[in-house]
Every structure is written in structure tokens, then in C-alpha cells.
PDB file of N, CA and C in Angstrom:
ATOM      1  N   MET A   1     -14.067  25.025   3.877  1.00  0.00           N
ATOM      2  CA  MET A   1     -12.681  24.611   3.580  1.00  0.00           C
ATOM      3  C   MET A   1     -12.574  24.040   2.202  1.00  0.00           C
ATOM      4  N   SER A   2     -11.759  24.632   1.348  1.00  0.00           N
ATOM      5  CA  SER A   2     -11.699  24.172  -0.039  1.00  0.00           C
ATOM      6  C   SER A   2     -10.591  23.134  -0.096  1.00  0.00           C
ATOM      7  N   PRO A   3     -10.747  22.086  -1.053  1.00  0.00           N
ATOM      8  CA  PRO A   3      -9.710  21.053  -1.092  1.00  0.00           C
ATOM      9  C   PRO A   3      -8.465  21.615  -1.673  1.00  0.00           C
ATOM     10  N   ALA A   4      -7.325  20.930  -1.309  1.00  0.00           N
ATOM     11  CA  ALA A   4      -6.039  21.300  -1.731  1.00  0.00           C
ATOM     12  C   ALA A   4      -5.855  21.079  -3.228  1.00  0.00           C
ATOM     13  N   LEU A   5      -6.549  20.051  -3.768  1.00  0.00           N
ATOM     14  CA  LEU A   5      -6.504  19.784  -5.244  1.00  0.00           C
ATOM     15  C   LEU A   5      -7.853  19.241  -5.621  1.00  0.00           C
ATOM     16  N   LYS A   6      -8.385  19.692  -6.689  1.00  0.00           N
ATOM     17  CA  LYS A   6      -9.654  19.243  -7.124  1.00  0.00           C
ATOM     18  C   LYS A   6      -9.583  18.927  -8.678  1.00  0.00           C
ATOM     19  N   VAL A   7     -10.054  17.747  -9.061  1.00  0.00           N
ATOM     20  CA  VAL A   7     -10.132  17.417 -10.487  1.00  0.00           C
ATOM     21  C   VAL A   7     -11.507  16.733 -10.739  1.00  0.00           C
ATOM     22  N   GLU A   8     -11.866  16.778 -11.948  1.00  0.00           N
ATOM     23  CA  GLU A   8     -13.135  16.050 -12.320  1.00  0.00           C
ATOM     24  C   GLU A   8     -12.720  14.902 -13.151  1.00  0.00           C
ATOM     25  N   GLN A   9     -13.333  13.704 -12.816  1.00  0.00           N
ATOM     26  CA  GLN A   9     -13.102  12.444 -13.546  1.00  0.00           C
ATOM     27  C   GLN A   9     -14.409  11.904 -13.960  1.00  0.00           C
ATOM     28  N   ILE A  10     -14.337  10.817 -14.808  1.00  0.00           N
ATOM     29  CA  ILE A  10     -15.497  10.131 -15.297  1.00  0.00           C
ATOM     30  C   ILE A  10     -15.466   8.709 -14.752  1.00  0.00           C
ATOM     31  N   VAL A  11     -16.497   8.228 -14.142  1.00  0.00           N
ATOM     32  CA  VAL A  11     -16.597   6.850 -13.737  1.00  0.00           C
ATOM     33  C   VAL A  11     -16.790   6.028 -14.963  1.00  0.00           C
ATOM     34  N   GLN A  12     -15.929   4.931 -15.020  1.00  0.00           N
ATOM     35  CA  GLN A  12     -15.960   4.045 -16.233  1.00  0.00           C
ATOM     36  C   GLN A  12     -16.090   2.636 -15.681  1.00  0.00           C
ATOM     37  N   GLU A  13     -16.503   1.757 -16.663  1.00  0.00           N
ATOM     38  CA  GLU A  13     -16.599   0.354 -16.390  1.00  0.00           C
ATOM     39  C   GLU A  13     -15.196  -0.253 -16.245  1.00  0.00           C
ATOM     40  N   TRP A  14     -15.022  -1.047 -15.213  1.00  0.00           N
ATOM     41  CA  TRP A  14     -13.734  -1.646 -14.960  1.00  0.00           C
ATOM     42  C   TRP A  14     -14.002  -3.061 -14.559  1.00  0.00           C
ATOM     43  N   GLY A  15     -13.852  -4.071 -15.486  1.00  0.00           N
ATOM     44  CA  GLY A  15     -14.192  -5.404 -15.318  1.00  0.00           C
ATOM     45  C   GLY A  15     -15.686  -5.565 -15.084  1.00  0.00           C
ATOM     46  N   ASN A  16     -16.021  -6.192 -13.951  1.00  0.00           N
ATOM     47  CA  ASN A  16     -17.505  -6.319 -13.554  1.00  0.00           C
ATOM     48  C   ASN A  16     -17.926  -5.166 -12.729  1.00  0.00           C
ATOM     49  N   GLY A  17     -17.116  -4.190 -12.418  1.00  0.00           N
ATOM     50  CA  GLY A  17     -17.448  -3.134 -11.618  1.00  0.00           C
ATOM     51  C   GLY A  17     -17.237  -1.774 -12.262  1.00  0.00           C
ATOM     52  N   LEU A  18     -17.055  -0.762 -11.413  1.00  0.00           N
ATOM     53  CA  LEU A  18     -16.770   0.644 -11.902  1.00  0.00           C
ATOM     54  C   LEU A  18     -15.473   1.145 -11.336  1.00  0.00           C
ATOM     55  N   GLY A  19     -14.829   2.009 -11.984  1.00  0.00           N
ATOM     56  CA  GLY A  19     -13.495   2.542 -11.443  1.00  0.00           C
ATOM     57  C   GLY A  19     -13.320   3.974 -11.963  1.00  0.00           C
ATOM     58  N   VAL A  20     -12.424   4.663 -11.138  1.00  0.00           N
ATOM     59  CA  VAL A  20     -12.054   5.973 -11.456  1.00  0.00           C
ATOM     60  C   VAL A  20     -10.509   6.037 -11.466  1.00  0.00           C
ATOM     61  N   ARG A  21      -9.931   6.504 -12.443  1.00  0.00           N
ATOM     62  CA  ARG A  21      -8.414   6.633 -12.469  1.00  0.00           C
ATOM     63  C   ARG A  21      -7.985   7.782 -11.581  1.00  0.00           C
ATOM     64  N   ILE A  22      -6.999   7.460 -10.664  1.00  0.00           N
ATOM     65  CA  ILE A  22      -6.460   8.507  -9.769  1.00  0.00           C
ATOM     66  C   ILE A  22      -5.205   9.010 -10.542  1.00  0.00           C
ATOM     67  N   THR A  23      -5.199  10.244 -10.975  1.00  0.00           N
ATOM     68  CA  THR A  23      -4.076  10.770 -11.671  1.00  0.00           C
ATOM     69  C   THR A  23      -2.909  10.996 -10.773  1.00  0.00           C
ATOM     70  N   SER A  24      -1.763  11.109 -11.342  1.00  0.00           N
ATOM     71  CA  SER A  24      -0.515  11.303 -10.630  1.00  0.00           C
ATOM     72  C   SER A  24      -0.634  12.470  -9.644  1.00  0.00           C
ATOM     73  N   PRO A  25      -1.078  13.630 -10.058  1.00  0.00           N
ATOM     74  CA  PRO A  25      -0.988  14.853  -9.133  1.00  0.00           C
ATOM     75  C   PRO A  25      -1.923  14.549  -7.948  1.00  0.00           C
ATOM     76  N   VAL A  26      -3.074  13.864  -8.202  1.00  0.00           N
ATOM     77  CA  VAL A  26      -3.946  13.532  -7.120  1.00  0.00           C
ATOM     78  C   VAL A  26      -3.369  12.533  -6.141  1.00  0.00           C
ATOM     79  N   ALA A  27      -2.717  11.507  -6.742  1.00  0.00           N
ATOM     80  CA  ALA A  27      -2.050  10.482  -5.909  1.00  0.00           C
ATOM     81  C   ALA A  27      -0.940  11.063  -5.053  1.00  0.00           C
ATOM     82  N   LYS A  28      -0.149  11.914  -5.662  1.00  0.00           N
ATOM     83  CA  LYS A  28       0.941  12.565  -4.886  1.00  0.00           C
ATOM     84  C   LYS A  28       0.356  13.437  -3.767  1.00  0.00           C
ATOM     85  N   ALA A  29      -0.631  14.222  -4.060  1.00  0.00           N
ATOM     86  CA  ALA A  29      -1.209  15.079  -2.982  1.00  0.00           C
ATOM     87  C   ALA A  29      -1.812  14.265  -1.914  1.00  0.00           C
ATOM     88  N   ALA A  30      -2.375  13.131  -2.199  1.00  0.00           N
ATOM     89  CA  ALA A  30      -3.053  12.290  -1.203  1.00  0.00           C
ATOM     90  C   ALA A  30      -2.086  11.227  -0.541  1.00  0.00           C
ATOM     91  N   HIS A  31      -0.834  11.253  -0.972  1.00  0.00           N
ATOM     92  CA  HIS A  31       0.148  10.252  -0.490  1.00  0.00           C
ATOM     93  C   HIS A  31      -0.242   8.833  -0.803  1.00  0.00           C
ATOM     94  N   LEU A  32      -0.723   8.624  -2.019  1.00  0.00           N
ATOM     95  CA  LEU A  32      -1.181   7.266  -2.437  1.00  0.00           C
ATOM     96  C   LEU A  32      -0.101   6.715  -3.287  1.00  0.00           C
ATOM     97  N   SER A  33       0.097   5.421  -3.264  1.00  0.00           N
ATOM     98  CA  SER A  33       0.992   4.768  -4.214  1.00  0.00           C
ATOM     99  C   SER A  33       0.509   3.290  -4.362  1.00  0.00           C
ATOM    100  N   GLN A  34       1.003   2.625  -5.257  1.00  0.00           N
ATOM    101  CA  GLN A  34       0.521   1.235  -5.498  1.00  0.00           C
ATOM    102  C   GLN A  34       0.762   0.375  -4.266  1.00  0.00           C
ATOM    103  N   GLY A  35      -0.272  -0.343  -3.803  1.00  0.00           N
ATOM    104  CA  GLY A  35      -0.205  -1.232  -2.681  1.00  0.00           C
ATOM    105  C   GLY A  35      -0.635  -0.607  -1.364  1.00  0.00           C
ATOM    106  N   VAL A  36      -0.962   0.727  -1.274  1.00  0.00           N
ATOM    107  CA  VAL A  36      -1.329   1.327  -0.082  1.00  0.00           C
ATOM    108  C   VAL A  36      -2.790   0.863   0.229  1.00  0.00           C
ATOM    109  N   PRO A  37      -3.081   0.390   1.358  1.00  0.00           N
ATOM    110  CA  PRO A  37      -4.366  -0.041   1.705  1.00  0.00           C
ATOM    111  C   PRO A  37      -5.307   1.222   2.007  1.00  0.00           C
ATOM    112  N   ILE A  38      -6.497   1.137   1.544  1.00  0.00           N
ATOM    113  CA  ILE A  38      -7.394   2.273   1.720  1.00  0.00           C
ATOM    114  C   ILE A  38      -8.752   1.692   2.251  1.00  0.00           C
ATOM    115  N   SER A  39      -9.570   2.548   2.814  1.00  0.00           N
ATOM    116  CA  SER A  39     -10.921   2.267   3.087  1.00  0.00           C
ATOM    117  C   SER A  39     -11.802   3.079   2.153  1.00  0.00           C
ATOM    118  N   VAL A  40     -12.959   2.570   1.768  1.00  0.00           N
ATOM    119  CA  VAL A  40     -13.845   3.248   0.901  1.00  0.00           C
ATOM    120  C   VAL A  40     -15.189   3.323   1.635  1.00  0.00           C
ATOM    121  N   GLU A  41     -15.601   4.604   1.898  1.00  0.00           N
ATOM    122  CA  GLU A  41     -16.831   4.830   2.619  1.00  0.00           C
ATOM    123  C   GLU A  41     -17.851   5.620   1.753  1.00  0.00           C
ATOM    124  N   VAL A  42     -19.116   5.210   1.881  1.00  0.00           N
ATOM    125  CA  VAL A  42     -20.167   6.002   1.177  1.00  0.00           C
ATOM    126  C   VAL A  42     -20.535   7.026   2.210  1.00  0.00           C
ATOM    127  N   VAL A  43     -20.475   8.336   1.878  1.00  0.00           N
ATOM    128  CA  VAL A  43     -20.816   9.444   2.720  1.00  0.00           C
ATOM    129  C   VAL A  43     -21.922  10.229   2.045  1.00  0.00           C
ATOM    130  N   LYS A  44     -22.545  11.160   2.746  1.00  0.00           N
ATOM    131  CA  LYS A  44     -23.534  12.032   2.146  1.00  0.00           C
ATOM    132  C   LYS A  44     -22.874  12.665   0.906  1.00  0.00           C
ATOM    133  N   ASN A  45     -23.551  12.580  -0.247  1.00  0.00           N
ATOM    134  CA  ASN A  45     -23.161  13.172  -1.530  1.00  0.00           C
ATOM    135  C   ASN A  45     -21.921  12.634  -2.049  1.00  0.00           C
ATOM    136  N   GLY A  46     -21.466  11.424  -1.739  1.00  0.00           N
ATOM    137  CA  GLY A  46     -20.314  10.921  -2.394  1.00  0.00           C
ATOM    138  C   GLY A  46     -19.631   9.706  -1.789  1.00  0.00           C
ATOM    139  N   VAL A  47     -18.330   9.566  -2.081  1.00  0.00           N
ATOM    140  CA  VAL A  47     -17.559   8.458  -1.598  1.00  0.00           C
ATOM    141  C   VAL A  47     -16.321   8.969  -1.078  1.00  0.00           C
ATOM    142  N   LEU A  48     -15.806   8.456   0.071  1.00  0.00           N
ATOM    143  CA  LEU A  48     -14.567   8.991   0.755  1.00  0.00           C
ATOM    144  C   LEU A  48     -13.577   7.831   0.734  1.00  0.00           C
ATOM    145  N   LEU A  49     -12.347   8.133   0.327  1.00  0.00           N
ATOM    146  CA  LEU A  49     -11.245   7.225   0.293  1.00  0.00           C
ATOM    147  C   LEU A  49     -10.264   7.653   1.468  1.00  0.00           C
ATOM    148  N   ARG A  50      -9.870   6.676   2.212  1.00  0.00           N
ATOM    149  CA  ARG A  50      -8.953   7.044   3.368  1.00  0.00           C
ATOM    150  C   ARG A  50      -7.769   6.073   3.363  1.00  0.00           C
ATOM    151  N   VAL A  51      -6.611   6.515   3.510  1.00  0.00           N
ATOM    152  CA  VAL A  51      -5.418   5.639   3.704  1.00  0.00           C
ATOM    153  C   VAL A  51      -5.561   5.005   5.077  1.00  0.00           C
ATOM    154  N   VAL A  52      -5.456   3.704   5.212  1.00  0.00           N
ATOM    155  CA  VAL A  52      -5.604   2.973   6.465  1.00  0.00           C
ATOM    156  C   VAL A  52      -4.420   2.249   6.941  1.00  0.00           C
ATOM    157  N   GLY A  53      -3.220   2.391   6.207  1.00  0.00           N
ATOM    158  CA  GLY A  53      -2.005   1.669   6.612  1.00  0.00           C
ATOM    159  C   GLY A  53      -0.919   1.920   5.618  1.00  0.00           C
ATOM    160  N   LYS A  54       0.062   1.211   5.815  1.00  0.00           N
ATOM    161  CA  LYS A  54       1.307   1.229   4.956  1.00  0.00           C
ATOM    162  C   LYS A  54       1.181   0.175   3.846  1.00  0.00           C
ATOM    163  N   PRO A  55       1.881   0.467   2.694  1.00  0.00           N
ATOM    164  CA  PRO A  55       1.822  -0.539   1.618  1.00  0.00           C
ATOM    165  C   PRO A  55       2.358  -1.914   2.117  1.00  0.00           C
ATOM    166  N   LYS A  56       1.765  -3.050   1.540  1.00  0.00           N
ATOM    167  CA  LYS A  56       2.300  -4.308   1.850  1.00  0.00           C
ATOM    168  C   LYS A  56       3.380  -4.526   0.825  1.00  0.00           C
ATOM    169  N   LEU A  57       4.528  -5.156   1.271  1.00  0.00           N
ATOM    170  CA  LEU A  57       5.645  -5.380   0.473  1.00  0.00           C
ATOM    171  C   LEU A  57       5.481  -6.533  -0.342  1.00  0.00           C
ATOM    172  N   SER A  58       5.877  -6.475  -1.708  1.00  0.00           N
ATOM    173  CA  SER A  58       5.888  -7.662  -2.564  1.00  0.00           C
ATOM    174  C   SER A  58       6.993  -8.582  -2.141  1.00  0.00           C
ATOM    175  N   LEU A  59       6.957  -9.817  -2.605  1.00  0.00           N
ATOM    176  CA  LEU A  59       8.083 -10.788  -2.321  1.00  0.00           C
ATOM    177  C   LEU A  59       9.410 -10.178  -2.774  1.00  0.00           C
ATOM    178  N   ASN A  60       9.489  -9.551  -3.960  1.00  0.00           N
ATOM    179  CA  ASN A  60      10.772  -8.981  -4.465  1.00  0.00           C
ATOM    180  C   ASN A  60      11.246  -7.917  -3.518  1.00  0.00           C
ATOM    181  N   GLN A  61      10.271  -7.095  -2.983  1.00  0.00           N
ATOM    182  CA  GLN A  61      10.702  -5.982  -2.060  1.00  0.00           C
ATOM    183  C   GLN A  61      11.158  -6.622  -0.718  1.00  0.00           C
ATOM    184  N   LYS A  62      10.532  -7.720  -0.276  1.00  0.00           N
ATOM    185  CA  LYS A  62      10.954  -8.309   0.960  1.00  0.00           C
ATOM    186  C   LYS A  62      12.356  -8.986   0.786  1.00  0.00           C
ATOM    187  N   LEU A  63      12.518  -9.586  -0.323  1.00  0.00           N
ATOM    188  CA  LEU A  63      13.872 -10.262  -0.602  1.00  0.00           C
ATOM    189  C   LEU A  63      14.978  -9.232  -0.689  1.00  0.00           C
ATOM    190  N   LYS A  64      14.626  -8.113  -1.385  1.00  0.00           N
ATOM    191  CA  LYS A  64      15.637  -6.996  -1.495  1.00  0.00           C
ATOM    192  C   LYS A  64      16.030  -6.429  -0.156  1.00  0.00           C
ATOM    193  N   ALA A  65      14.996  -6.372   0.785  1.00  0.00           N
ATOM    194  CA  ALA A  65      15.354  -5.836   2.098  1.00  0.00           C
ATOM    195  C   ALA A  65      15.975  -6.809   3.052  1.00  0.00           C
ATOM    196  N   PHE A  66      16.066  -8.171   2.681  1.00  0.00           N
ATOM    197  CA  PHE A  66      16.677  -9.141   3.522  1.00  0.00           C
ATOM    198  C   PHE A  66      18.152  -8.824   3.734  1.00  0.00           C
ATOM    199  N   ASP A  67      18.569  -8.801   5.006  1.00  0.00           N
ATOM    200  CA  ASP A  67      19.963  -8.581   5.385  1.00  0.00           C
ATOM    201  C   ASP A  67      20.427  -9.770   6.134  1.00  0.00           C
ATOM    202  N   PRO A  68      21.432 -10.625   5.540  1.00  0.00           N
ATOM    203  CA  PRO A  68      21.877 -11.835   6.135  1.00  0.00           C
ATOM    204  C   PRO A  68      22.524 -11.611   7.434  1.00  0.00           C
ATOM    205  N   GLU A  69      23.117 -10.426   7.649  1.00  0.00           N
ATOM    206  CA  GLU A  69      23.714 -10.193   8.996  1.00  0.00           C
ATOM    207  C   GLU A  69      22.750 -10.069  10.133  1.00  0.00           C
ATOM    208  N   ASN A  70      21.519  -9.614   9.795  1.00  0.00           N
ATOM    209  CA  ASN A  70      20.445  -9.502  10.838  1.00  0.00           C
ATOM    210  C   ASN A  70      19.750 -10.838  11.033  1.00  0.00           C
ATOM    211  N   HIS A  71      20.048 -11.794  10.118  1.00  0.00           N
ATOM    212  CA  HIS A  71      19.334 -13.120  10.189  1.00  0.00           C
ATOM    213  C   HIS A  71      20.304 -14.283  10.330  1.00  0.00           C
ATOM    214  N   SER A  72      21.451 -14.068  10.961  1.00  0.00           N
ATOM    215  CA  SER A  72      22.496 -15.086  11.164  1.00  0.00           C
ATOM    216  C   SER A  72      22.990 -15.679   9.914  1.00  0.00           C
ATOM    217  N   GLY A  73      22.905 -14.965   8.741  1.00  0.00           N
ATOM    218  CA  GLY A  73      23.483 -15.410   7.510  1.00  0.00           C
ATOM    219  C   GLY A  73      22.615 -16.559   6.753  1.00  0.00           C
ATOM    220  N   GLU A  74      21.548 -16.942   7.419  1.00  0.00           N
ATOM    221  CA  GLU A  74      20.751 -18.005   6.745  1.00  0.00           C
ATOM    222  C   GLU A  74      19.304 -17.506   6.578  1.00  0.00           C
ATOM    223  N   VAL A  75      18.679 -17.905   5.539  1.00  0.00           N
ATOM    224  CA  VAL A  75      17.283 -17.611   5.345  1.00  0.00           C
ATOM    225  C   VAL A  75      16.481 -18.584   6.213  1.00  0.00           C
ATOM    226  N   MET A  76      16.852 -19.911   6.192  1.00  0.00           N
ATOM    227  CA  MET A  76      16.192 -20.879   7.001  1.00  0.00           C
ATOM    228  C   MET A  76      17.254 -21.664   7.873  1.00  0.00           C
ATOM    229  N   ALA A  77      17.384 -21.243   9.103  1.00  0.00           N
ATOM    230  CA  ALA A  77      18.345 -21.862   9.946  1.00  0.00           C
ATOM    231  C   ALA A  77      17.861 -23.229  10.295  1.00  0.00           C
ATOM    232  N   THR A  78      18.773 -24.251  10.190  1.00  0.00           N
ATOM    233  CA  THR A  78      18.452 -25.603  10.494  1.00  0.00           C
ATOM    234  C   THR A  78      18.845 -26.087  11.939  1.00  0.00           C
ATOM    235  N   THR A  79      19.666 -25.239  12.477  1.00  0.00           N
ATOM    236  CA  THR A  79      20.080 -25.479  13.966  1.00  0.00           C
ATOM    237  C   THR A  79      19.704 -24.321  14.751  1.00  0.00           C
ATOM    238  N   ALA A  80      19.692 -24.476  16.150  1.00  0.00           N
ATOM    239  CA  ALA A  80      19.441 -23.340  17.057  1.00  0.00           C
ATOM    240  C   ALA A  80      20.479 -22.286  16.907  1.00  0.00           C
ATOM    241  N   MET A  81      20.064 -20.999  16.860  1.00  0.00           N
ATOM    242  CA  MET A  81      20.943 -19.911  16.682  1.00  0.00           C
ATOM    243  C   MET A  81      20.487 -18.764  17.660  1.00  0.00           C
ATOM    244  N   GLY A  82      21.416 -17.918  17.953  1.00  0.00           N
ATOM    245  CA  GLY A  82      21.120 -16.777  18.728  1.00  0.00           C
ATOM    246  C   GLY A  82      20.427 -17.044  20.043  1.00  0.00           C
ATOM    247  N   LYS A  83      19.286 -16.393  20.375  1.00  0.00           N
ATOM    248  CA  LYS A  83      18.617 -16.526  21.658  1.00  0.00           C
ATOM    249  C   LYS A  83      18.056 -17.895  21.855  1.00  0.00           C
ATOM    250  N   GLU A  84      17.975 -18.728  20.773  1.00  0.00           N
ATOM    251  CA  GLU A  84      17.413 -20.004  20.908  1.00  0.00           C
ATOM    252  C   GLU A  84      18.362 -20.934  21.654  1.00  0.00           C
ATOM    253  N   ILE A  85      19.650 -20.676  21.710  1.00  0.00           N
ATOM    254  CA  ILE A  85      20.657 -21.425  22.436  1.00  0.00           C
ATOM    255  C   ILE A  85      20.634 -21.087  23.899  1.00  0.00           C
ATOM    256  N   ILE A  86      20.459 -22.121  24.716  1.00  0.00           N
ATOM    257  CA  ILE A  86      20.411 -21.783  26.177  1.00  0.00           C
ATOM    258  C   ILE A  86      21.556 -22.445  26.823  1.00  0.00           C
TER     259      ILE A  86
END
């Protein structure tokens, strides 16, 4: 089975470690974007990267997604609201 996309890269020094730049075509083909958690496995003859979840949202992304109507209009409710009232 041949890969859907194959490129050659150079391993370079990155801080105290090593790194490889993932180009845009490779990232798109692998469904990678900034913040996507991956696992890195050493396998026979190489290294395997796997997506292991969804990206974690930044604080700005979380605040942008906040909907006051779904949260009783308050970020921090100081009195009992909704199902808390018996």
C-alpha cells in the first residue's frame, strides 16, 4: 500500500530537541491542525504520529463559544438557577 502523500524532510535542531516541519499539504492530508493532540510511537524503521483526540480550545475560543442563553445569562451565577432550585 503506497502512502496518499509522501514528502522528504530534514530533521533539524529545535530548542534542546529535534523537530520536523509538517508542511501544509501534509497537515491537510493528515487532518492535523494547531492544538490537535497526537501520539508519537517508535516503530520498526521509523516514527509514527497518530491523532488521538480533538484540539483543545484556547481561552479565546472558549469565550467566543460562550452563549449566555445556555448559561442563564451569567458566567458565574451567585444564586441557585435552573435545576438547582428545588
